[in-house]
Amino acid sequence: MHLLWRPAGQNADYTIVVQGEEGEQEIPVHRMLLEARSPFFRGMLESNMAEAQQGRYVVRDINAEVFKALLHFIYTGGRLAA
């Protein structure tokens, strides 16, 4: 699965928008992988919530690098190298 974790978001079909102090950043992700690996994303994406229908989820008040570390864990099961 970690081959899917690429900075360019190759074949990504969903977008997470991180809005933090450093501004807004769009992160392309793979919806099916998020649903399979995260109960939070599964519940949101399998529902009729607006985020599931619009193809994007906005996360507010978090540092983009922290959120990328969370996504890295979801994709690979490991932590980022320090």
Protein backbone atom coordinates (compact mmCIF):
# COMPACT_ATOMS: atom_id res chain seq x y z
CA MET A 1 0.00 0.00 0.00
CA HIS A 2 2.81 2.41 0.62
CA LEU A 3 3.45 2.50 -3.13
CA LEU A 4 0.22 4.50 -3.34
CA TRP A 5 1.64 7.10 -0.96
CA ARG A 6 3.21 9.45 -3.47
CA PRO A 7 3.50 13.21 -3.26
CA ALA A 8 1.88 13.72 -6.66
CA GLY A 9 -1.20 11.68 -5.68
CA GLN A 10 -1.05 9.44 -8.72
CA ASN A 11 -4.52 7.98 -9.48
CA ALA A 12 -6.02 9.81 -6.50
CA ASP A 13 -9.80 10.15 -6.57
CA TYR A 14 -10.48 12.28 -3.48
CA THR A 15 -9.06 15.50 -2.06
CA ILE A 16 -8.40 16.51 1.51
CA VAL A 17 -8.04 20.24 2.02
CA VAL A 18 -6.04 21.21 5.09
CA GLN A 19 -6.67 24.72 6.37
CA GLY A 20 -4.13 25.70 8.99
CA GLU A 21 -2.10 28.67 10.08
CA GLU A 22 0.17 28.24 7.05
CA GLY A 23 -2.76 28.55 4.63
CA GLU A 24 -4.70 26.03 2.59
CA GLN A 25 -3.19 22.92 1.05
CA GLU A 26 -4.89 20.29 -1.11
CA ILE A 27 -3.76 16.70 -0.64
CA PRO A 28 -4.85 14.14 -3.25
CA VAL A 29 -5.73 10.76 -1.69
CA HIS A 30 -7.33 7.42 -2.54
CA ARG A 31 -10.88 7.15 -1.25
CA MET A 32 -11.01 3.36 -1.14
CA LEU A 33 -7.83 3.17 0.91
CA LEU A 34 -9.13 5.71 3.42
CA GLU A 35 -12.37 3.74 3.76
CA ALA A 36 -10.50 0.47 4.26
CA ARG A 37 -7.99 1.74 6.81
CA SER A 38 -9.87 4.35 8.85
CA PRO A 39 -13.21 3.93 10.66
CA PHE A 40 -13.59 7.73 10.68
CA PHE A 41 -13.20 8.07 6.92
CA ARG A 42 -15.25 4.92 6.27
CA GLY A 43 -18.19 6.33 8.21
CA MET A 44 -17.97 9.67 6.45
CA LEU A 45 -17.38 8.38 2.93
CA GLU A 46 -20.00 5.61 3.00
CA SER A 47 -22.69 8.03 4.15
CA ASN A 48 -24.74 10.66 2.40
CA MET A 49 -22.67 13.41 3.95
CA ALA A 50 -21.78 16.33 1.72
CA GLU A 51 -18.07 15.42 1.92
CA ALA A 52 -18.79 12.02 0.39
CA GLN A 53 -20.77 13.56 -2.45
CA GLN A 54 -18.43 16.47 -3.20
CA GLY A 55 -15.20 14.48 -3.42
CA ARG A 56 -13.37 16.61 -0.90
CA TYR A 57 -13.06 17.02 2.84
CA VAL A 58 -11.90 20.20 4.54
CA VAL A 59 -9.86 19.85 7.73
CA ARG A 60 -9.49 23.06 9.72
CA ASP A 61 -7.04 24.22 12.37
CA ILE A 62 -4.34 21.60 11.89
CA ASN A 63 -0.80 21.82 10.61
CA ALA A 64 -0.53 20.30 7.12
CA GLU A 65 2.61 18.35 8.04
CA VAL A 66 0.85 16.78 11.03
CA PHE A 67 -2.07 15.73 8.85
CA LYS A 68 0.30 14.32 6.23
CA ALA A 69 1.91 12.23 8.99
CA LEU A 70 -1.54 10.86 9.85
CA LEU A 71 -2.18 10.03 6.19
CA HIS A 72 1.23 8.40 5.93
CA PHE A 73 0.28 6.14 8.85
CA ILE A 74 -3.07 5.29 7.23
CA TYR A 75 -1.32 4.40 3.97
CA THR A 76 1.70 2.54 5.32
CA GLY A 77 1.03 1.54 8.92
CA GLY A 78 4.30 3.21 9.89
CA ARG A 79 5.52 6.57 11.01
CA LEU A 80 7.50 9.13 9.08
CA ALA A 81 11.25 8.99 9.47
CA ALA A 82 12.53 11.76 11.71
